[in-house]
Amino acid sequence: MVSHNTFTSKRIRVRIPKDYRQEPVISHLVSDHCLTVNISAAILGANAMGDGWFDLELQGTPEQIDSGLNYLQELELEIWEDSNIGNW
């Protein structure tokens, strides 16, 4: 049985389109979904005009992580999880 207070982590890669560059997407993962977010790698377009790619480690309860992933999916962002993350 998994305790609701058990913390876990999940590695994802997410593409944040240039249309979202003024939106606090990662901040919402922290403030609205109570996640700890570690940015382990990132690529941004020149002058932040292009899309951004972020390798993130999300830490929280399984429910918090699911909530954060649902939020990203609702924004229709491209997300790669765990083993699908390759090298840049």
PDB file of N, CA and C in Angstrom:
ATOM      1  N   MET A   1       0.843  -1.179   0.000  1.00  0.00           N
ATOM      2  CA  MET A   1       0.000   0.000   0.000  1.00  0.00           C
ATOM      3  C   MET A   1       0.885   1.238   0.000  1.00  0.00           C
ATOM      4  N   VAL A   2       0.574   2.208  -0.849  1.00  0.00           N
ATOM      5  CA  VAL A   2       1.357   3.432  -0.946  1.00  0.00           C
ATOM      6  C   VAL A   2       0.744   4.490  -0.034  1.00  0.00           C
ATOM      7  N   SER A   3       1.548   5.048   0.822  1.00  0.00           N
ATOM      8  CA  SER A   3       1.091   6.131   1.693  1.00  0.00           C
ATOM      9  C   SER A   3       0.933   7.408   0.890  1.00  0.00           C
ATOM     10  N   HIS A   4      -0.081   8.169   1.212  1.00  0.00           N
ATOM     11  CA  HIS A   4      -0.317   9.436   0.522  1.00  0.00           C
ATOM     12  C   HIS A   4       0.745  10.473   0.861  1.00  0.00           C
ATOM     13  N   ASN A   5       1.529  10.216   1.909  1.00  0.00           N
ATOM     14  CA  ASN A   5       2.580  11.154   2.305  1.00  0.00           C
ATOM     15  C   ASN A   5       3.943  10.747   1.760  1.00  0.00           C
ATOM     16  N   THR A   6       4.006   9.683   0.992  1.00  0.00           N
ATOM     17  CA  THR A   6       5.263   9.214   0.434  1.00  0.00           C
ATOM     18  C   THR A   6       5.685  10.115  -0.719  1.00  0.00           C
ATOM     19  N   PHE A   7       6.895  10.620  -0.625  1.00  0.00           N
ATOM     20  CA  PHE A   7       7.406  11.476  -1.694  1.00  0.00           C
ATOM     21  C   PHE A   7       8.135  10.626  -2.713  1.00  0.00           C
ATOM     22  N   THR A   8       7.995  11.009  -3.946  1.00  0.00           N
ATOM     23  CA  THR A   8       8.643  10.323  -5.043  1.00  0.00           C
ATOM     24  C   THR A   8       9.112  11.371  -6.036  1.00  0.00           C
ATOM     25  N   SER A   9       9.766  10.932  -7.085  1.00  0.00           N
ATOM     26  CA  SER A   9      10.189  11.890  -8.104  1.00  0.00           C
ATOM     27  C   SER A   9       9.946  11.294  -9.478  1.00  0.00           C
ATOM     28  N   LYS A  10       9.819  12.168 -10.447  1.00  0.00           N
ATOM     29  CA  LYS A  10       9.616  11.763 -11.839  1.00  0.00           C
ATOM     30  C   LYS A  10      10.386  12.733 -12.712  1.00  0.00           C
ATOM     31  N   ARG A  11      11.145  12.165 -13.654  1.00  0.00           N
ATOM     32  CA  ARG A  11      11.885  12.987 -14.616  1.00  0.00           C
ATOM     33  C   ARG A  11      11.069  13.117 -15.883  1.00  0.00           C
ATOM     34  N   ILE A  12      10.966  14.345 -16.370  1.00  0.00           N
ATOM     35  CA  ILE A  12      10.253  14.585 -17.620  1.00  0.00           C
ATOM     36  C   ILE A  12      11.029  15.586 -18.459  1.00  0.00           C
ATOM     37  N   ARG A  13      10.736  15.601 -19.730  1.00  0.00           N
ATOM     38  CA  ARG A  13      11.199  16.665 -20.627  1.00  0.00           C
ATOM     39  C   ARG A  13       9.936  17.316 -21.165  1.00  0.00           C
ATOM     40  N   VAL A  14       9.902  18.614 -21.145  1.00  0.00           N
ATOM     41  CA  VAL A  14       8.715  19.336 -21.596  1.00  0.00           C
ATOM     42  C   VAL A  14       9.119  20.435 -22.569  1.00  0.00           C
ATOM     43  N   ARG A  15       8.334  20.578 -23.630  1.00  0.00           N
ATOM     44  CA  ARG A  15       8.543  21.680 -24.578  1.00  0.00           C
ATOM     45  C   ARG A  15       7.552  22.770 -24.218  1.00  0.00           C
ATOM     46  N   ILE A  16       8.087  23.955 -23.988  1.00  0.00           N
ATOM     47  CA  ILE A  16       7.243  25.102 -23.691  1.00  0.00           C
ATOM     48  C   ILE A  16       7.318  26.032 -24.894  1.00  0.00           C
ATOM     49  N   PRO A  17       6.213  26.115 -25.669  1.00  0.00           N
ATOM     50  CA  PRO A  17       6.212  26.941 -26.877  1.00  0.00           C
ATOM     51  C   PRO A  17       6.438  28.413 -26.578  1.00  0.00           C
ATOM     52  N   LYS A  18       6.929  29.116 -27.579  1.00  0.00           N
ATOM     53  CA  LYS A  18       7.207  30.547 -27.401  1.00  0.00           C
ATOM     54  C   LYS A  18       5.956  31.306 -26.981  1.00  0.00           C
ATOM     55  N   ASP A  19       4.774  30.820 -27.337  1.00  0.00           N
ATOM     56  CA  ASP A  19       3.526  31.480 -26.937  1.00  0.00           C
ATOM     57  C   ASP A  19       3.337  31.477 -25.419  1.00  0.00           C
ATOM     58  N   TYR A  20       4.016  30.569 -24.730  1.00  0.00           N
ATOM     59  CA  TYR A  20       3.901  30.448 -23.281  1.00  0.00           C
ATOM     60  C   TYR A  20       5.055  31.113 -22.546  1.00  0.00           C
ATOM     61  N   ARG A  21       5.931  31.820 -23.258  1.00  0.00           N
ATOM     62  CA  ARG A  21       7.142  32.317 -22.599  1.00  0.00           C
ATOM     63  C   ARG A  21       6.855  33.350 -21.522  1.00  0.00           C
ATOM     64  N   GLN A  22       5.699  34.001 -21.547  1.00  0.00           N
ATOM     65  CA  GLN A  22       5.341  34.955 -20.497  1.00  0.00           C
ATOM     66  C   GLN A  22       4.499  34.313 -19.396  1.00  0.00           C
ATOM     67  N   GLU A  23       4.155  33.035 -19.587  1.00  0.00           N
ATOM     68  CA  GLU A  23       3.360  32.322 -18.586  1.00  0.00           C
ATOM     69  C   GLU A  23       4.273  31.642 -17.567  1.00  0.00           C
ATOM     70  N   PRO A  24       3.945  31.723 -16.298  1.00  0.00           N
ATOM     71  CA  PRO A  24       4.784  31.096 -15.262  1.00  0.00           C
ATOM     72  C   PRO A  24       4.470  29.605 -15.100  1.00  0.00           C
ATOM     73  N   VAL A  25       4.696  28.834 -16.165  1.00  0.00           N
ATOM     74  CA  VAL A  25       4.332  27.414 -16.175  1.00  0.00           C
ATOM     75  C   VAL A  25       5.031  26.654 -15.051  1.00  0.00           C
ATOM     76  N   ILE A  26       6.330  26.801 -14.928  1.00  0.00           N
ATOM     77  CA  ILE A  26       7.075  26.066 -13.904  1.00  0.00           C
ATOM     78  C   ILE A  26       6.710  26.570 -12.508  1.00  0.00           C
ATOM     79  N   SER A  27       6.506  27.861 -12.369  1.00  0.00           N
ATOM     80  CA  SER A  27       6.078  28.410 -11.074  1.00  0.00           C
ATOM     81  C   SER A  27       4.738  27.831 -10.634  1.00  0.00           C
ATOM     82  N   HIS A  28       3.823  27.612 -11.587  1.00  0.00           N
ATOM     83  CA  HIS A  28       2.528  27.013 -11.249  1.00  0.00           C
ATOM     84  C   HIS A  28       2.684  25.575 -10.760  1.00  0.00           C
ATOM     85  N   LEU A  29       3.670  24.850 -11.283  1.00  0.00           N
ATOM     86  CA  LEU A  29       3.912  23.498 -10.778  1.00  0.00           C
ATOM     87  C   LEU A  29       4.270  23.541  -9.293  1.00  0.00           C
ATOM     88  N   VAL A  30       5.018  24.573  -8.908  1.00  0.00           N
ATOM     89  CA  VAL A  30       5.436  24.715  -7.513  1.00  0.00           C
ATOM     90  C   VAL A  30       4.285  25.229  -6.650  1.00  0.00           C
ATOM     91  N   SER A  31       3.683  26.361  -7.054  1.00  0.00           N
ATOM     92  CA  SER A  31       2.696  27.015  -6.191  1.00  0.00           C
ATOM     93  C   SER A  31       1.330  26.336  -6.202  1.00  0.00           C
ATOM     94  N   ASP A  32       0.860  25.868  -7.351  1.00  0.00           N
ATOM     95  CA  ASP A  32      -0.483  25.299  -7.437  1.00  0.00           C
ATOM     96  C   ASP A  32      -0.532  23.795  -7.208  1.00  0.00           C
ATOM     97  N   HIS A  33       0.582  23.105  -7.456  1.00  0.00           N
ATOM     98  CA  HIS A  33       0.593  21.648  -7.360  1.00  0.00           C
ATOM     99  C   HIS A  33       1.545  21.150  -6.281  1.00  0.00           C
ATOM    100  N   CYS A  34       2.131  22.072  -5.521  1.00  0.00           N
ATOM    101  CA  CYS A  34       2.975  21.764  -4.357  1.00  0.00           C
ATOM    102  C   CYS A  34       4.140  20.839  -4.687  1.00  0.00           C
ATOM    103  N   LEU A  35       4.723  21.029  -5.863  1.00  0.00           N
ATOM    104  CA  LEU A  35       5.857  20.215  -6.281  1.00  0.00           C
ATOM    105  C   LEU A  35       7.168  20.942  -6.048  1.00  0.00           C
ATOM    106  N   THR A  36       8.212  20.173  -5.830  1.00  0.00           N
ATOM    107  CA  THR A  36       9.563  20.697  -5.895  1.00  0.00           C
ATOM    108  C   THR A  36      10.039  20.403  -7.307  1.00  0.00           C
ATOM    109  N   VAL A  37      10.552  21.419  -7.991  1.00  0.00           N
ATOM    110  CA  VAL A  37      10.958  21.262  -9.385  1.00  0.00           C
ATOM    111  C   VAL A  37      12.439  21.586  -9.504  1.00  0.00           C
ATOM    112  N   ASN A  38      13.193  20.631 -10.038  1.00  0.00           N
ATOM    113  CA  ASN A  38      14.602  20.837 -10.322  1.00  0.00           C
ATOM    114  C   ASN A  38      14.763  20.863 -11.838  1.00  0.00           C
ATOM    115  N   ILE A  39      15.338  21.944 -12.361  1.00  0.00           N
ATOM    116  CA  ILE A  39      15.619  22.042 -13.791  1.00  0.00           C
ATOM    117  C   ILE A  39      17.021  21.493 -13.994  1.00  0.00           C
ATOM    118  N   SER A  40      17.115  20.305 -14.607  1.00  0.00           N
ATOM    119  CA  SER A  40      18.425  19.686 -14.767  1.00  0.00           C
ATOM    120  C   SER A  40      19.088  20.067 -16.088  1.00  0.00           C
ATOM    121  N   ALA A  41      18.293  20.530 -17.053  1.00  0.00           N
ATOM    122  CA  ALA A  41      18.834  21.003 -18.327  1.00  0.00           C
ATOM    123  C   ALA A  41      17.761  21.842 -19.005  1.00  0.00           C
ATOM    124  N   ALA A  42      18.208  22.751 -19.866  1.00  0.00           N
ATOM    125  CA  ALA A  42      17.257  23.587 -20.600  1.00  0.00           C
ATOM    126  C   ALA A  42      17.901  24.105 -21.869  1.00  0.00           C
ATOM    127  N   ILE A  43      17.082  24.262 -22.888  1.00  0.00           N
ATOM    128  CA  ILE A  43      17.492  24.916 -24.127  1.00  0.00           C
ATOM    129  C   ILE A  43      16.428  25.966 -24.427  1.00  0.00           C
ATOM    130  N   LEU A  44      16.871  27.185 -24.649  1.00  0.00           N
ATOM    131  CA  LEU A  44      15.948  28.268 -24.969  1.00  0.00           C
ATOM    132  C   LEU A  44      16.304  28.848 -26.323  1.00  0.00           C
ATOM    133  N   GLY A  45      15.286  29.308 -27.045  1.00  0.00           N
ATOM    134  CA  GLY A  45      15.523  29.955 -28.329  1.00  0.00           C
ATOM    135  C   GLY A  45      16.270  31.259 -28.144  1.00  0.00           C
ATOM    136  N   ALA A  46      16.886  31.743 -29.210  1.00  0.00           N
ATOM    137  CA  ALA A  46      17.621  33.004 -29.162  1.00  0.00           C
ATOM    138  C   ALA A  46      16.721  34.116 -28.654  1.00  0.00           C
ATOM    139  N   ASN A  47      17.231  34.864 -27.681  1.00  0.00           N
ATOM    140  CA  ASN A  47      16.492  35.974 -27.084  1.00  0.00           C
ATOM    141  C   ASN A  47      15.134  35.530 -26.551  1.00  0.00           C
ATOM    142  N   ALA A  48      15.016  34.266 -26.160  1.00  0.00           N
ATOM    143  CA  ALA A  48      13.774  33.692 -25.630  1.00  0.00           C
ATOM    144  C   ALA A  48      12.612  33.841 -26.610  1.00  0.00           C
ATOM    145  N   MET A  49      12.907  33.913 -27.905  1.00  0.00           N
ATOM    146  CA  MET A  49      11.850  34.052 -28.904  1.00  0.00           C
ATOM    147  C   MET A  49      11.366  32.695 -29.421  1.00  0.00           C
ATOM    148  N   GLY A  50      12.159  31.638 -29.251  1.00  0.00           N
ATOM    149  CA  GLY A  50      11.766  30.322 -29.735  1.00  0.00           C
ATOM    150  C   GLY A  50      11.181  29.476 -28.614  1.00  0.00           C
ATOM    151  N   ASP A  51      10.854  28.235 -28.968  1.00  0.00           N
ATOM    152  CA  ASP A  51      10.361  27.308 -27.968  1.00  0.00           C
ATOM    153  C   ASP A  51      11.473  26.948 -26.991  1.00  0.00           C
ATOM    154  N   GLY A  52      11.093  26.564 -25.800  1.00  0.00           N
ATOM    155  CA  GLY A  52      12.049  26.116 -24.800  1.00  0.00           C
ATOM    156  C   GLY A  52      11.847  24.647 -24.488  1.00  0.00           C
ATOM    157  N   TRP A  53      12.941  23.946 -24.223  1.00  0.00           N
ATOM    158  CA  TRP A  53      12.908  22.553 -23.801  1.00  0.00           C
ATOM    159  C   TRP A  53      13.528  22.471 -22.421  1.00  0.00           C
ATOM    160  N   PHE A  54      12.836  21.806 -21.510  1.00  0.00           N
ATOM    161  CA  PHE A  54      13.315  21.712 -20.141  1.00  0.00           C
ATOM    162  C   PHE A  54      13.306  20.268 -19.688  1.00  0.00           C
ATOM    163  N   ASP A  55      14.411  19.830 -19.105  1.00  0.00           N
ATOM    164  CA  ASP A  55      14.447  18.552 -18.397  1.00  0.00           C
ATOM    165  C   ASP A  55      14.162  18.885 -16.940  1.00  0.00           C
ATOM    166  N   LEU A  56      13.088  18.325 -16.420  1.00  0.00           N
ATOM    167  CA  LEU A  56      12.656  18.626 -15.063  1.00  0.00           C
ATOM    168  C   LEU A  56      12.610  17.358 -14.228  1.00  0.00           C
ATOM    169  N   GLU A  57      12.950  17.507 -12.969  1.00  0.00           N
ATOM    170  CA  GLU A  57      12.683  16.454 -12.000  1.00  0.00           C
ATOM    171  C   GLU A  57      11.607  16.995 -11.082  1.00  0.00           C
ATOM    172  N   LEU A  58      10.458  16.330 -11.063  1.00  0.00           N
ATOM    173  CA  LEU A  58       9.338  16.724 -10.211  1.00  0.00           C
ATOM    174  C   LEU A  58       9.384  15.873  -8.958  1.00  0.00           C
ATOM    175  N   GLN A  59       9.294  16.514  -7.792  1.00  0.00           N
ATOM    176  CA  GLN A  59       9.308  15.790  -6.528  1.00  0.00           C
ATOM    177  C   GLN A  59       8.070  16.167  -5.738  1.00  0.00           C
ATOM    178  N   GLY A  60       7.394  15.142  -5.211  1.00  0.00           N
ATOM    179  CA  GLY A  60       6.193  15.343  -4.415  1.00  0.00           C
ATOM    180  C   GLY A  60       5.510  14.011  -4.205  1.00  0.00           C
ATOM    181  N   THR A  61       4.286  14.050  -3.720  1.00  0.00           N
ATOM    182  CA  THR A  61       3.531  12.812  -3.573  1.00  0.00           C
ATOM    183  C   THR A  61       3.084  12.368  -4.965  1.00  0.00           C
ATOM    184  N   PRO A  62       2.740  11.102  -5.125  1.00  0.00           N
ATOM    185  CA  PRO A  62       2.231  10.654  -6.429  1.00  0.00           C
ATOM    186  C   PRO A  62       1.033  11.484  -6.897  1.00  0.00           C
ATOM    187  N   GLU A  63       0.175  11.879  -5.975  1.00  0.00           N
ATOM    188  CA  GLU A  63      -0.994  12.680  -6.326  1.00  0.00           C
ATOM    189  C   GLU A  63      -0.583  14.075  -6.821  1.00  0.00           C
ATOM    190  N   GLN A  64       0.401  14.679  -6.158  1.00  0.00           N
ATOM    191  CA  GLN A  64       0.888  15.999  -6.582  1.00  0.00           C
ATOM    192  C   GLN A  64       1.527  15.920  -7.964  1.00  0.00           C
ATOM    193  N   ILE A  65       2.310  14.875  -8.194  1.00  0.00           N
ATOM    194  CA  ILE A  65       2.955  14.710  -9.504  1.00  0.00           C
ATOM    195  C   ILE A  65       1.902  14.503 -10.588  1.00  0.00           C
ATOM    196  N   ASP A  66       0.906  13.656 -10.313  1.00  0.00           N
ATOM    197  CA  ASP A  66      -0.174  13.457 -11.288  1.00  0.00           C
ATOM    198  C   ASP A  66      -0.911  14.753 -11.565  1.00  0.00           C
ATOM    199  N   SER A  67      -1.154  15.535 -10.539  1.00  0.00           N
ATOM    200  CA  SER A  67      -1.836  16.820 -10.704  1.00  0.00           C
ATOM    201  C   SER A  67      -1.010  17.762 -11.578  1.00  0.00           C
ATOM    202  N   GLY A  68       0.293  17.818 -11.335  1.00  0.00           N
ATOM    203  CA  GLY A  68       1.172  18.667 -12.133  1.00  0.00           C
ATOM    204  C   GLY A  68       1.235  18.220 -13.584  1.00  0.00           C
ATOM    205  N   LEU A  69       1.301  16.905 -13.806  1.00  0.00           N
ATOM    206  CA  LEU A  69       1.329  16.383 -15.180  1.00  0.00           C
ATOM    207  C   LEU A  69       0.013  16.670 -15.895  1.00  0.00           C
ATOM    208  N   ASN A  70      -1.100  16.558 -15.171  1.00  0.00           N
ATOM    209  CA  ASN A  70      -2.399  16.892 -15.764  1.00  0.00           C
ATOM    210  C   ASN A  70      -2.454  18.356 -16.172  1.00  0.00           C
ATOM    211  N   TYR A  71      -1.898  19.226 -15.335  1.00  0.00           N
ATOM    212  CA  TYR A  71      -1.833  20.650 -15.654  1.00  0.00           C
ATOM    213  C   TYR A  71      -1.060  20.876 -16.956  1.00  0.00           C
ATOM    214  N   LEU A  72       0.098  20.244 -17.092  1.00  0.00           N
ATOM    215  CA  LEU A  72       0.899  20.395 -18.311  1.00  0.00           C
ATOM    216  C   LEU A  72       0.152  19.848 -19.528  1.00  0.00           C
ATOM    217  N   GLN A  73      -0.559  18.739 -19.347  1.00  0.00           N
ATOM    218  CA  GLN A  73      -1.328  18.160 -20.452  1.00  0.00           C
ATOM    219  C   GLN A  73      -2.493  19.060 -20.843  1.00  0.00           C
ATOM    220  N   GLU A  74      -3.118  19.711 -19.861  1.00  0.00           N
ATOM    221  CA  GLU A  74      -4.206  20.645 -20.154  1.00  0.00           C
ATOM    222  C   GLU A  74      -3.714  21.829 -20.983  1.00  0.00           C
ATOM    223  N   LEU A  75      -2.451  22.189 -20.803  1.00  0.00           N
ATOM    224  CA  LEU A  75      -1.853  23.262 -21.609  1.00  0.00           C
ATOM    225  C   LEU A  75      -1.459  22.759 -23.001  1.00  0.00           C
ATOM    226  N   GLU A  76      -1.612  21.452 -23.213  1.00  0.00           N
ATOM    227  CA  GLU A  76      -1.263  20.796 -24.478  1.00  0.00           C
ATOM    228  C   GLU A  76       0.224  20.932 -24.818  1.00  0.00           C
ATOM    229  N   LEU A  77       1.060  20.793 -23.768  1.00  0.00           N
ATOM    230  CA  LEU A  77       2.505  20.831 -23.952  1.00  0.00           C
ATOM    231  C   LEU A  77       3.001  19.429 -24.291  1.00  0.00           C
ATOM    232  N   GLU A  78       4.087  19.359 -25.073  1.00  0.00           N
ATOM    233  CA  GLU A  78       4.704  18.069 -25.357  1.00  0.00           C
ATOM    234  C   GLU A  78       5.497  17.640 -24.132  1.00  0.00           C
ATOM    235  N   ILE A  79       5.266  16.403 -23.703  1.00  0.00           N
ATOM    236  CA  ILE A  79       5.910  15.878 -22.499  1.00  0.00           C
ATOM    237  C   ILE A  79       6.474  14.494 -22.807  1.00  0.00           C
ATOM    238  N   TRP A  80       7.723  14.280 -22.416  1.00  0.00           N
ATOM    239  CA  TRP A  80       8.341  12.960 -22.475  1.00  0.00           C
ATOM    240  C   TRP A  80       8.636  12.561 -21.042  1.00  0.00           C
ATOM    241  N   GLU A  81       8.299  11.332 -20.682  1.00  0.00           N
ATOM    242  CA  GLU A  81       8.508  10.869 -19.316  1.00  0.00           C
ATOM    243  C   GLU A  81       9.620   9.832 -19.241  1.00  0.00           C
ATOM    244  N   ASP A  82      10.320   9.825 -18.120  1.00  0.00           N
ATOM    245  CA  ASP A  82      11.301   8.806 -17.728  1.00  0.00           C
ATOM    246  C   ASP A  82      12.186   8.286 -18.831  1.00  0.00           C
ATOM    247  N   SER A  83      11.972   7.043 -19.245  1.00  0.00           N
ATOM    248  CA  SER A  83      12.888   6.369 -20.163  1.00  0.00           C
ATOM    249  C   SER A  83      12.893   6.962 -21.557  1.00  0.00           C
ATOM    250  N   ASN A  84      11.921   7.800 -21.872  1.00  0.00           N
ATOM    251  CA  ASN A  84      11.873   8.424 -23.186  1.00  0.00           C
ATOM    252  C   ASN A  84      12.823   9.611 -23.293  1.00  0.00           C
ATOM    253  N   ILE A  85      13.442   9.997 -22.185  1.00  0.00           N
ATOM    254  CA  ILE A  85      14.342  11.150 -22.192  1.00  0.00           C
ATOM    255  C   ILE A  85      15.722  10.691 -22.627  1.00  0.00           C
ATOM    256  N   GLY A  86      16.172  11.196 -23.751  1.00  0.00           N
ATOM    257  CA  GLY A  86      17.508  10.865 -24.240  1.00  0.00           C
ATOM    258  C   GLY A  86      18.459  12.001 -23.987  1.00  0.00           C
ATOM    259  N   ASN A  87      19.587  11.936 -24.604  1.00  0.00           N
ATOM    260  CA  ASN A  87      20.554  13.032 -24.514  1.00  0.00           C
ATOM    261  C   ASN A  87      20.159  14.135 -25.461  1.00  0.00           C
ATOM    262  N   TRP A  88      20.585  15.352 -25.167  1.00  0.00           N
ATOM    263  CA  TRP A  88      20.293  16.479 -26.056  1.00  0.00           C
ATOM    264  C   TRP A  88      20.974  16.196 -27.350  1.00  0.00           C
TER     265      TRP A  88
END
